[in-house]
C-alpha cells in the first residue's frame, strides 16, 4: 500500500525526501502515520533516527544530527509530501536540502532501539579493549 519506508536491514529504512513543512521543528522528520504503522517498527514521537542520502558522501555516523520521527495524520498539509511514506523535513532545511527532494535517503534507528541512551555496555567494551591493548603492549616490551 505504501512504498516507503522500506526496511532494508533491521531498524534501518529506505525512503525518499518528499519535501519540507513548517509543521515540524528543526530536529523532527515527518512520515505518513499509516506508512509508519504498516511498514515500520518506528514509534512516533519517541524513536530517534539519523539520516543520510544514498550515493552521497556524508558526515561520520556519530557526527550526524538525530531527528525524532513524527507521524503525519491524514488531513494535515504536510501529508501531501508523504503520500507514499516519504520523509518530510522542517522548512528550516529547505535552503540547504531543497535540491534533494525526491532523492533516496536512509533512516537509521539502530541506535535508538539497540543502545537507547545506555552506553554502559559500550563503556565496558572500550575499557576492556584498552586493558587488552595495554597488556599486549607490555608483553611485547618484555619480549
C-alpha atoms as a PDB file:
ATOM      1  CA  UNK A   1       0.000   0.000   0.000  1.00  0.00           C
ATOM      2  CA  UNK A   2       2.783   2.461   0.914  1.00  0.00           C
ATOM      3  CA  UNK A   3       6.082   2.323  -0.936  1.00  0.00           C
ATOM      4  CA  UNK A   4       8.154   3.780   1.899  1.00  0.00           C
ATOM      5  CA  UNK A   5       9.807   3.481   4.294  1.00  0.00           C
ATOM      6  CA  UNK A   6      11.178   0.065   3.352  1.00  0.00           C
ATOM      7  CA  UNK A   7      13.185  -1.846   5.939  1.00  0.00           C
ATOM      8  CA  UNK A   8      16.482  -2.799   4.288  1.00  0.00           C
ATOM      9  CA  UNK A   9      18.260  -4.077   7.406  1.00  0.00           C
ATOM     10  CA  UNK A  10      16.938  -4.398  10.956  1.00  0.00           C
ATOM     11  CA  UNK A  11      15.856  -0.937  12.168  1.00  0.00           C
ATOM     12  CA  UNK A  12      17.244   0.737   9.026  1.00  0.00           C
ATOM     13  CA  UNK A  13      14.866   2.083   6.385  1.00  0.00           C
ATOM     14  CA  UNK A  14      14.992   3.435   2.849  1.00  0.00           C
ATOM     15  CA  UNK A  15      12.713   6.299   1.823  1.00  0.00           C
ATOM     16  CA  UNK A  16      12.694   9.408  -0.332  1.00  0.00           C
ATOM     17  CA  UNK A  17      12.714  13.042   0.672  1.00  0.00           C
ATOM     18  CA  UNK A  18       9.175  14.213  -0.038  1.00  0.00           C
ATOM     19  CA  UNK A  19       9.517  17.872   0.845  1.00  0.00           C
ATOM     20  CA  UNK A  20       9.574  20.440   3.629  1.00  0.00           C
ATOM     21  CA  UNK A  21       6.938  21.761   6.003  1.00  0.00           C
ATOM     22  CA  UNK A  22       6.572  24.486   8.604  1.00  0.00           C
ATOM     23  CA  UNK A  23       4.716  21.950  10.784  1.00  0.00           C
ATOM     24  CA  UNK A  24       7.921  20.373  12.105  1.00  0.00           C
ATOM     25  CA  UNK A  25      10.698  21.517  14.400  1.00  0.00           C
ATOM     26  CA  UNK A  26      14.268  21.539  13.132  1.00  0.00           C
ATOM     27  CA  UNK A  27      15.027  18.186  14.779  1.00  0.00           C
ATOM     28  CA  UNK A  28      11.895  16.343  13.576  1.00  0.00           C
ATOM     29  CA  UNK A  29      11.059  14.325  10.478  1.00  0.00           C
ATOM     30  CA  UNK A  30       7.503  13.552   9.462  1.00  0.00           C
ATOM     31  CA  UNK A  31       6.236  10.388   7.815  1.00  0.00           C
ATOM     32  CA  UNK A  32       2.670   9.451   6.894  1.00  0.00           C
ATOM     33  CA  UNK A  33       1.157   7.829  10.021  1.00  0.00           C
ATOM     34  CA  UNK A  34      -0.299   4.869   8.117  1.00  0.00           C
ATOM     35  CA  UNK A  35       3.030   4.196   6.383  1.00  0.00           C
ATOM     36  CA  UNK A  36       4.775   4.143   9.779  1.00  0.00           C
ATOM     37  CA  UNK A  37       2.180   1.734  11.135  1.00  0.00           C
ATOM     38  CA  UNK A  38       2.220  -0.631   8.150  1.00  0.00           C
ATOM     39  CA  UNK A  39       5.894  -0.600   7.105  1.00  0.00           C
ATOM     40  CA  UNK A  40       7.991   0.023  10.222  1.00  0.00           C
ATOM     41  CA  UNK A  41       8.616  -0.640  13.879  1.00  0.00           C
ATOM     42  CA  UNK A  42       9.226   3.086  14.459  1.00  0.00           C
ATOM     43  CA  UNK A  43       7.398   4.654  17.393  1.00  0.00           C
ATOM     44  CA  UNK A  44       6.182   8.194  16.564  1.00  0.00           C
ATOM     45  CA  UNK A  45       7.343  10.980  18.909  1.00  0.00           C
ATOM     46  CA  UNK A  46       9.772   8.554  20.558  1.00  0.00           C
ATOM     47  CA  UNK A  47      12.093   6.935  18.004  1.00  0.00           C
ATOM     48  CA  UNK A  48      15.200   8.863  17.024  1.00  0.00           C
ATOM     49  CA  UNK A  49      16.872   8.375  13.650  1.00  0.00           C
ATOM     50  CA  UNK A  50      19.983   9.528  11.875  1.00  0.00           C
ATOM     51  CA  UNK A  51      19.582  10.239   8.191  1.00  0.00           C
ATOM     52  CA  UNK A  52      21.843  10.204   5.187  1.00  0.00           C
ATOM     53  CA  UNK A  53      21.264  10.499   1.478  1.00  0.00           C
ATOM     54  CA  UNK A  54      22.057   7.474  -0.647  1.00  0.00           C
ATOM     55  CA  UNK A  55      25.027   7.821  -3.008  1.00  0.00           C
ATOM     56  CA  UNK A  56      26.319  10.961  -1.292  1.00  0.00           C
ATOM     57  CA  UNK A  57      29.292  11.354   0.968  1.00  0.00           C
ATOM     58  CA  UNK A  58      28.086  12.268   4.451  1.00  0.00           C
ATOM     59  CA  UNK A  59      29.493  13.118   7.848  1.00  0.00           C
ATOM     60  CA  UNK A  60      30.601  10.189  10.018  1.00  0.00           C
ATOM     61  CA  UNK A  61      27.690   8.484  11.775  1.00  0.00           C
ATOM     62  CA  UNK A  62      28.276   9.886  15.268  1.00  0.00           C
ATOM     63  CA  UNK A  63      28.542  13.457  13.918  1.00  0.00           C
ATOM     64  CA  UNK A  64      25.153  13.369  12.169  1.00  0.00           C
ATOM     65  CA  UNK A  65      22.214  15.036  13.913  1.00  0.00           C
ATOM     66  CA  UNK A  66      19.403  12.985  15.471  1.00  0.00           C
ATOM     67  CA  UNK A  67      15.810  13.501  14.360  1.00  0.00           C
ATOM     68  CA  UNK A  68      12.632  12.487  16.162  1.00  0.00           C
ATOM     69  CA  UNK A  69      10.140  10.619  13.973  1.00  0.00           C
ATOM     70  CA  UNK A  70       6.719  12.314  13.959  1.00  0.00           C
ATOM     71  CA  UNK A  71       3.620  10.822  12.342  1.00  0.00           C
ATOM     72  CA  UNK A  72       1.656  12.904   9.850  1.00  0.00           C
ATOM     73  CA  UNK A  73      -2.086  12.260  10.171  1.00  0.00           C
ATOM     74  CA  UNK A  74      -4.238  12.343   7.059  1.00  0.00           C
ATOM     75  CA  UNK A  75      -5.594  15.837   6.515  1.00  0.00           C
ATOM     76  CA  UNK A  76      -2.532  17.809   7.596  1.00  0.00           C
ATOM     77  CA  UNK A  77      -0.863  19.873   4.908  1.00  0.00           C
ATOM     78  CA  UNK A  78       2.430  18.002   5.265  1.00  0.00           C
ATOM     79  CA  UNK A  79       0.670  14.756   4.343  1.00  0.00           C
ATOM     80  CA  UNK A  80       0.698  15.768   0.663  1.00  0.00           C
ATOM     81  CA  UNK A  81       4.521  15.447   0.751  1.00  0.00           C
ATOM     82  CA  UNK A  82       4.323  11.954   2.295  1.00  0.00           C
ATOM     83  CA  UNK A  83       1.613  10.204   0.270  1.00  0.00           C
ATOM     84  CA  UNK A  84       3.680   7.033  -0.118  1.00  0.00           C
ATOM     85  CA  UNK A  85       5.572   7.346   3.178  1.00  0.00           C
ATOM     86  CA  UNK A  86       8.248   9.795   2.040  1.00  0.00           C
ATOM     87  CA  UNK A  87      10.152  11.796   4.650  1.00  0.00           C
ATOM     88  CA  UNK A  88       9.171  15.418   5.300  1.00  0.00           C
ATOM     89  CA  UNK A  89      11.715  17.696   6.955  1.00  0.00           C
ATOM     90  CA  UNK A  90      11.348  21.035   8.675  1.00  0.00           C
ATOM     91  CA  UNK A  91      11.169  24.055   6.376  1.00  0.00           C
ATOM     92  CA  UNK A  92      14.388  25.245   8.045  1.00  0.00           C
ATOM     93  CA  UNK A  93      16.263  22.623   5.990  1.00  0.00           C
ATOM     94  CA  UNK A  94      14.764  23.687   2.647  1.00  0.00           C
ATOM     95  CA  UNK A  95      17.516  26.128   1.715  1.00  0.00           C
ATOM     96  CA  UNK A  96      20.303  23.573   2.153  1.00  0.00           C
ATOM     97  CA  UNK A  97      18.489  20.390   1.082  1.00  0.00           C
ATOM     98  CA  UNK A  98      15.909  21.758  -1.377  1.00  0.00           C
ATOM     99  CA  UNK A  99      17.697  20.299  -4.397  1.00  0.00           C
ATOM    100  CA  UNK A 100      17.495  16.783  -2.878  1.00  0.00           C
ATOM    101  CA  UNK A 101      13.693  16.412  -2.960  1.00  0.00           C
ATOM    102  CA  UNK A 102      12.890  13.004  -4.457  1.00  0.00           C
ATOM    103  CA  UNK A 103      16.302  11.536  -3.635  1.00  0.00           C
ATOM    104  CA  UNK A 104      16.652   8.324  -1.660  1.00  0.00           C
ATOM    105  CA  UNK A 105      17.647   8.546   1.974  1.00  0.00           C
ATOM    106  CA  UNK A 106      18.491   6.062   4.709  1.00  0.00           C
ATOM    107  CA  UNK A 107      16.841   6.347   8.130  1.00  0.00           C
ATOM    108  CA  UNK A 108      18.927   4.596  10.771  1.00  0.00           C
ATOM    109  CA  UNK A 109      17.120   3.894  14.060  1.00  0.00           C
ATOM    110  CA  UNK A 110      19.527   1.222  15.306  1.00  0.00           C
ATOM    111  CA  UNK A 111      20.989   3.462  17.985  1.00  0.00           C
ATOM    112  CA  UNK A 112      17.519   4.375  19.238  1.00  0.00           C
ATOM    113  CA  UNK A 113      16.400   0.753  19.582  1.00  0.00           C
ATOM    114  CA  UNK A 114      19.625  -1.037  20.466  1.00  0.00           C
ATOM    115  CA  UNK A 115      21.514   1.460  22.627  1.00  0.00           C
ATOM    116  CA  UNK A 116      18.695   3.829  23.638  1.00  0.00           C
ATOM    117  CA  UNK A 117      20.963   6.240  25.509  1.00  0.00           C
ATOM    118  CA  UNK A 118      22.517   3.500  27.667  1.00  0.00           C
ATOM    119  CA  UNK A 119      26.177   3.489  26.722  1.00  0.00           C
ATOM    120  CA  UNK A 120      27.317   1.441  29.753  1.00  0.00           C
ATOM    121  CA  UNK A 121      27.949  -1.690  27.652  1.00  0.00           C
ATOM    122  CA  UNK A 122      29.965   0.361  25.160  1.00  0.00           C
ATOM    123  CA  UNK A 123      31.990   1.871  28.001  1.00  0.00           C
ATOM    124  CA  UNK A 124      32.755  -1.626  29.338  1.00  0.00           C
ATOM    125  CA  UNK A 125      33.798  -2.821  25.890  1.00  0.00           C
ATOM    126  CA  UNK A 126      36.115   0.161  25.356  1.00  0.00           C
ATOM    127  CA  UNK A 127      37.601  -0.268  28.839  1.00  0.00           C
ATOM    128  CA  UNK A 128      38.302  -3.980  28.307  1.00  0.00           C
ATOM    129  CA  UNK A 129      39.788  -3.209  24.874  1.00  0.00           C
ATOM    130  CA  UNK A 130      42.127  -0.618  26.417  1.00  0.00           C
ATOM    131  CA  UNK A 131      43.201  -3.121  29.077  1.00  0.00           C
ATOM    132  CA  UNK A 132      43.840  -5.780  26.427  1.00  0.00           C
ATOM    133  CA  UNK A 133      45.904  -3.339  24.330  1.00  0.00           C
ATOM    134  CA  UNK A 134      47.875  -2.231  27.386  1.00  0.00           C
ATOM    135  CA  UNK A 135      48.615  -5.863  28.356  1.00  0.00           C
ATOM    136  CA  UNK A 136      49.680  -6.825  24.832  1.00  0.00           C
ATOM    137  CA  UNK A 137      51.988  -3.786  24.616  1.00  0.00           C
ATOM    138  CA  UNK A 138      53.519  -4.706  27.986  1.00  0.00           C
ATOM    139  CA  UNK A 139      54.119  -8.282  26.797  1.00  0.00           C
ATOM    140  CA  UNK A 140      55.772  -7.028  23.598  1.00  0.00           C
ATOM    141  CA  UNK A 141      58.127  -4.815  25.595  1.00  0.00           C
ATOM    142  CA  UNK A 142      59.127  -7.766  27.799  1.00  0.00           C
ATOM    143  CA  UNK A 143      59.968  -9.952  24.821  1.00  0.00           C
END
